[in-house]
């Protein structure tokens, strides 16, 4: 794992060329607790390559077809949009639209 990735896991993003809307957010804000993943990647605990991949896979967000928080979109407990709505609720983000925001923060292949 590169130094930038270690920094983002441990402290939070300070800058991001590909996803500037994530600046100031830690990985766990969206991906959930990742102590074991970070420790394995940093060599603090011994894990096989297969075990490391399993930890990485558990953190990957999978967006379902037509997933969203607006009328006509699919919203279910445990979905990616459900995680977003923990912070982007009506009090904090009344104009939040998952399908508009998701492309701004989506980052593929950052394992």
C-alpha atoms as a PDB file:
ATOM      1  CA  UNK A   1       0.000   0.000   0.000  1.00  0.00           C
ATOM      2  CA  UNK A   2       1.372   3.408  -0.937  1.00  0.00           C
ATOM      3  CA  UNK A   3       1.980   6.221   1.528  1.00  0.00           C
ATOM      4  CA  UNK A   4      -1.050   8.174   0.287  1.00  0.00           C
ATOM      5  CA  UNK A   5      -3.313   5.185   0.866  1.00  0.00           C
ATOM      6  CA  UNK A   6      -1.912   4.629   4.365  1.00  0.00           C
ATOM      7  CA  UNK A   7      -2.499   8.313   5.127  1.00  0.00           C
ATOM      8  CA  UNK A   8      -6.086   8.195   3.892  1.00  0.00           C
ATOM      9  CA  UNK A   9      -6.849   5.068   5.912  1.00  0.00           C
ATOM     10  CA  UNK A  10      -5.294   6.420   9.097  1.00  0.00           C
ATOM     11  CA  UNK A  11      -6.132  10.133   9.012  1.00  0.00           C
ATOM     12  CA  UNK A  12      -8.464  11.067   6.186  1.00  0.00           C
ATOM     13  CA  UNK A  13      -8.025  12.476   2.726  1.00  0.00           C
ATOM     14  CA  UNK A  14      -6.134  15.745   2.516  1.00  0.00           C
ATOM     15  CA  UNK A  15      -6.228  15.996  -1.267  1.00  0.00           C
ATOM     16  CA  UNK A  16      -7.562  13.880  -4.056  1.00  0.00           C
ATOM     17  CA  UNK A  17      -7.151  14.677  -7.739  1.00  0.00           C
ATOM     18  CA  UNK A  18      -9.742  12.155  -8.891  1.00  0.00           C
ATOM     19  CA  UNK A  19     -12.346  12.689  -6.181  1.00  0.00           C
ATOM     20  CA  UNK A  20     -12.012  16.191  -4.694  1.00  0.00           C
ATOM     21  CA  UNK A  21     -15.420  15.862  -2.997  1.00  0.00           C
ATOM     22  CA  UNK A  22     -13.854  13.308  -0.629  1.00  0.00           C
ATOM     23  CA  UNK A  23     -11.317  15.735   0.850  1.00  0.00           C
ATOM     24  CA  UNK A  24     -11.574  15.733   4.629  1.00  0.00           C
ATOM     25  CA  UNK A  25     -13.324  12.367   4.808  1.00  0.00           C
ATOM     26  CA  UNK A  26     -11.762   9.206   6.121  1.00  0.00           C
ATOM     27  CA  UNK A  27     -12.234   5.943   4.252  1.00  0.00           C
ATOM     28  CA  UNK A  28     -14.347   4.563   7.076  1.00  0.00           C
ATOM     29  CA  UNK A  29     -16.974   7.287   6.601  1.00  0.00           C
ATOM     30  CA  UNK A  30     -18.228   5.336   3.591  1.00  0.00           C
ATOM     31  CA  UNK A  31     -16.551   1.941   3.705  1.00  0.00           C
ATOM     32  CA  UNK A  32     -17.062   1.160   7.381  1.00  0.00           C
ATOM     33  CA  UNK A  33     -14.539  -0.045   9.970  1.00  0.00           C
ATOM     34  CA  UNK A  34     -11.271  -1.155   8.390  1.00  0.00           C
ATOM     35  CA  UNK A  35      -8.808  -1.631  11.231  1.00  0.00           C
ATOM     36  CA  UNK A  36      -7.949  -5.196  10.186  1.00  0.00           C
ATOM     37  CA  UNK A  37      -7.510  -4.155   6.548  1.00  0.00           C
ATOM     38  CA  UNK A  38      -5.200  -1.258   7.447  1.00  0.00           C
ATOM     39  CA  UNK A  39      -3.177  -3.385   9.883  1.00  0.00           C
ATOM     40  CA  UNK A  40      -2.763  -6.158   7.298  1.00  0.00           C
ATOM     41  CA  UNK A  41      -1.696  -3.744   4.553  1.00  0.00           C
ATOM     42  CA  UNK A  42       0.793  -2.069   6.900  1.00  0.00           C
ATOM     43  CA  UNK A  43       2.286  -5.406   8.002  1.00  0.00           C
ATOM     44  CA  UNK A  44       1.111  -4.952  11.586  1.00  0.00           C
ATOM     45  CA  UNK A  45      -0.664  -8.323  11.447  1.00  0.00           C
ATOM     46  CA  UNK A  46       0.223 -11.316   9.313  1.00  0.00           C
ATOM     47  CA  UNK A  47      -2.301 -12.151   6.608  1.00  0.00           C
ATOM     48  CA  UNK A  48      -1.927 -14.183   3.448  1.00  0.00           C
ATOM     49  CA  UNK A  49      -2.502 -12.481   0.109  1.00  0.00           C
ATOM     50  CA  UNK A  50      -5.876 -14.237  -0.090  1.00  0.00           C
ATOM     51  CA  UNK A  51      -6.842 -12.961   3.366  1.00  0.00           C
ATOM     52  CA  UNK A  52      -5.790  -9.422   2.423  1.00  0.00           C
ATOM     53  CA  UNK A  53      -7.905  -9.616  -0.717  1.00  0.00           C
ATOM     54  CA  UNK A  54     -10.863 -10.800   1.359  1.00  0.00           C
ATOM     55  CA  UNK A  55     -10.464  -7.767   3.635  1.00  0.00           C
ATOM     56  CA  UNK A  56     -10.266  -5.451   0.596  1.00  0.00           C
ATOM     57  CA  UNK A  57     -13.308  -7.056  -1.010  1.00  0.00           C
ATOM     58  CA  UNK A  58     -15.370  -6.492   2.137  1.00  0.00           C
ATOM     59  CA  UNK A  59     -14.789  -2.734   1.772  1.00  0.00           C
ATOM     60  CA  UNK A  60     -15.797  -2.421  -1.882  1.00  0.00           C
ATOM     61  CA  UNK A  61     -19.137  -0.689  -2.322  1.00  0.00           C
ATOM     62  CA  UNK A  62     -21.502  -2.260  -4.825  1.00  0.00           C
ATOM     63  CA  UNK A  63     -24.187   0.037  -6.172  1.00  0.00           C
ATOM     64  CA  UNK A  64     -27.340  -1.680  -7.340  1.00  0.00           C
ATOM     65  CA  UNK A  65     -29.286  -0.820 -10.490  1.00  0.00           C
ATOM     66  CA  UNK A  66     -31.349   2.362 -10.106  1.00  0.00           C
ATOM     67  CA  UNK A  67     -30.160   2.752  -6.503  1.00  0.00           C
ATOM     68  CA  UNK A  68     -31.032   6.112  -5.018  1.00  0.00           C
ATOM     69  CA  UNK A  69     -32.972   8.179  -2.543  1.00  0.00           C
ATOM     70  CA  UNK A  70     -35.396   9.935  -4.895  1.00  0.00           C
ATOM     71  CA  UNK A  71     -38.844   8.903  -6.075  1.00  0.00           C
ATOM     72  CA  UNK A  72     -38.707   5.975  -8.502  1.00  0.00           C
ATOM     73  CA  UNK A  73     -35.254   4.891  -7.324  1.00  0.00           C
ATOM     74  CA  UNK A  74     -34.487   1.836  -5.204  1.00  0.00           C
ATOM     75  CA  UNK A  75     -33.587   2.402  -1.550  1.00  0.00           C
ATOM     76  CA  UNK A  76     -33.009  -0.440   0.884  1.00  0.00           C
ATOM     77  CA  UNK A  77     -31.330  -0.939   4.234  1.00  0.00           C
ATOM     78  CA  UNK A  78     -27.686  -1.948   3.880  1.00  0.00           C
ATOM     79  CA  UNK A  79     -27.309  -0.404   0.430  1.00  0.00           C
ATOM     80  CA  UNK A  80     -24.660   2.143  -0.537  1.00  0.00           C
ATOM     81  CA  UNK A  81     -27.234   4.935  -0.631  1.00  0.00           C
ATOM     82  CA  UNK A  82     -28.335   3.917   2.865  1.00  0.00           C
ATOM     83  CA  UNK A  83     -24.770   4.510   4.088  1.00  0.00           C
ATOM     84  CA  UNK A  84     -24.687   7.914   2.357  1.00  0.00           C
ATOM     85  CA  UNK A  85     -27.945   8.905   3.993  1.00  0.00           C
ATOM     86  CA  UNK A  86     -26.385   8.519   7.459  1.00  0.00           C
ATOM     87  CA  UNK A  87     -24.726  11.911   6.875  1.00  0.00           C
ATOM     88  CA  UNK A  88     -26.614  13.258   3.864  1.00  0.00           C
ATOM     89  CA  UNK A  89     -29.972  13.335   5.613  1.00  0.00           C
ATOM     90  CA  UNK A  90     -32.666  15.995   5.223  1.00  0.00           C
ATOM     91  CA  UNK A  91     -31.138  18.131   7.985  1.00  0.00           C
ATOM     92  CA  UNK A  92     -27.591  18.161   6.579  1.00  0.00           C
ATOM     93  CA  UNK A  93     -28.101  17.741   2.822  1.00  0.00           C
ATOM     94  CA  UNK A  94     -31.703  18.485   1.863  1.00  0.00           C
ATOM     95  CA  UNK A  95     -30.829  18.555  -1.847  1.00  0.00           C
ATOM     96  CA  UNK A  96     -28.831  15.290  -1.776  1.00  0.00           C
ATOM     97  CA  UNK A  97     -29.466  13.071  -4.789  1.00  0.00           C
ATOM     98  CA  UNK A  98     -27.468   9.843  -4.701  1.00  0.00           C
ATOM     99  CA  UNK A  99     -27.426   9.404  -8.479  1.00  0.00           C
ATOM    100  CA  UNK A 100     -26.019  12.925  -8.934  1.00  0.00           C
ATOM    101  CA  UNK A 101     -23.456  12.707  -6.118  1.00  0.00           C
ATOM    102  CA  UNK A 102     -22.223   9.129  -6.643  1.00  0.00           C
ATOM    103  CA  UNK A 103     -20.210   9.861  -9.828  1.00  0.00           C
ATOM    104  CA  UNK A 104     -18.364  12.623  -7.931  1.00  0.00           C
ATOM    105  CA  UNK A 105     -17.065  10.260  -5.228  1.00  0.00           C
ATOM    106  CA  UNK A 106     -16.944   6.923  -7.022  1.00  0.00           C
ATOM    107  CA  UNK A 107     -13.384   5.592  -7.188  1.00  0.00           C
ATOM    108  CA  UNK A 108     -12.727   2.277  -8.881  1.00  0.00           C
ATOM    109  CA  UNK A 109      -9.540   0.283  -8.549  1.00  0.00           C
ATOM    110  CA  UNK A 110      -8.145   2.035  -5.484  1.00  0.00           C
ATOM    111  CA  UNK A 111      -7.274  -1.184  -3.630  1.00  0.00           C
END
